[in-house]
Amino acid sequence: MKATWEKIDKNLVAIDVEVDAAQVSEALDKAFKKVVQKVNVPGFRKGKVPRAMFEKRFGVESLYQDAIDILLPTAYSAALQETGVEAVDRPEVDVEQFAKGESFKFKAKVTVKPEVKLGEYKGLELPAADANVGEEEVAAELERLQQRHAELSVLDEGEAQNGDTAVIDFEGFVDGVAFEGGKGERYSLELGSNSFIPGFEDQVVGLATGDFKDVVVTFPENYHADNLAGKEAVFKVKLHEIKRKNLPALDDEFAKDVSEFDTLDEFKQDLAKKLADRKEKENEQAREVAVVEKAAETAEIDVPQAMIDTEVDYMLRDFEQRLRMQGMNLDLYYQFSGQDESVLRAQMATDAEKRVRNNLVLEQISKNEGIGASEEELTEELEKLSGMYNRPVDELRTLFATNGNLENLKSDIVIRKTIKFLLDNSKVATEVA
């Protein structure tokens, strides 16, 4: 096989590939064995038609597409390896020649990783970090713990307030007609959570148990359902129950219930220490983000749209997984938020581009500085994962290698080492009085 390439536009290359006639012949043999199982020829059982008779009856050309499908993926992968082209999107393939007894020629146009021109990335100034914890932060953490350990109790009388959980029936109508997905029974809605259409929860506030109300809202213009976008809707709502949080008192008994300490003062001291440790870790993470972004700010990169789209795909899958952990899914999210996939993808696009840009910069810096991942470091990483998943190191290595993820693991190590390199070569900004 022969492969050559040329740049035809920024981040776009054309690869010319020629596969020799012997491989074409092998692919035609495989295609025949596949196709012959499906054809019916009088006098022959399925799969037993001789090759010569098959070609005479149907023509050898009937095997070409299957043979191309067999050859193309392997030939394209081999061409990428031979040319060193780093493709970041699916190729646009143009078959130029394919025939029995001849070589297979095709041209693949594909988007590739962009050139990265680095700016200054050593001696970057980072703001000084403060790990001190004030009394107000300890108080805020205590309040959060209070909320977490609060008990919900049914309110016998009174009106619903923000922060309450309202158990409601609802049914939505547009122009007097009920619409699909607009009905729920005994639904628990936390008022003030902004999980329903804007304006809905505000109108439930003030209702008492047993009350009925027509809640009037307007669907957002970009709502995912075209038949509802921008329309005014009336939701007929019945309030069954109001559940209100009862916060525990902040005293020694509370400290005993939620910690290993006997007094609230001891618990506060421990909280302050843990908050300081957490803040120190957060400061370090913030420094890592800041140093990477500063290095990326001065770099010149024309990020291909294909790389942004791929990152958005990853972010969308991750978002859906987190929703499922909360008992939701994307369809419910779209319904409650008034968005659709196109709106969500557009919102993610800016962060996706930044992520891609930062990763490209880190990759280029690691190349410039000769930062790699040794076998010892790879083994250490696998040992950490072994402890986390309780599986033998050798088994994990085999699993990663089989799935083609061993190189990704090495890349993660290199990225972390490169960020450490940037931090080690940075300096704390001095404040000017």
Foldseek 3Di string as FASTA:
>chain_A
DDKDKDADDFQKIKIKFKAFLVLLVVLLVVLCQVCQQPDDDPPDDRSGDDPVVCCVVPNSVVSFVSSCVVPVVVRVVVNCVVHVFAFLDAWDKDWDDHDRPGITIIMTMGGGFGDKFWDDQFAAADADADLADDPVNLVVVVVVVQQVPWDKDWDPWDWADQQKWWQKWKFKDFPRHTDPPRTDHRDTDRQPPLQAAPQQSVVRTGDIAFDWDWRKDQFDQQFPDNVRRRTIMTMIMHTHTIIHTDGDDQWQVVCVVPHVDRTSVVVSVVSSVVSSVVSVVVVVVVLLVVSLVVRLVRMDTDGDPSQLVVLLVVVQVVVQVVQVVVVHGPVSSSNRHRHDPVVSSVVCSVVSVVVVSSLVSLVVLCVVVVQWADPVNLLVVLVVVCVVVVHDSVVVVVVCVVVVNSVVSRSVVSSVVSSVVSVVRYHYDDDDD
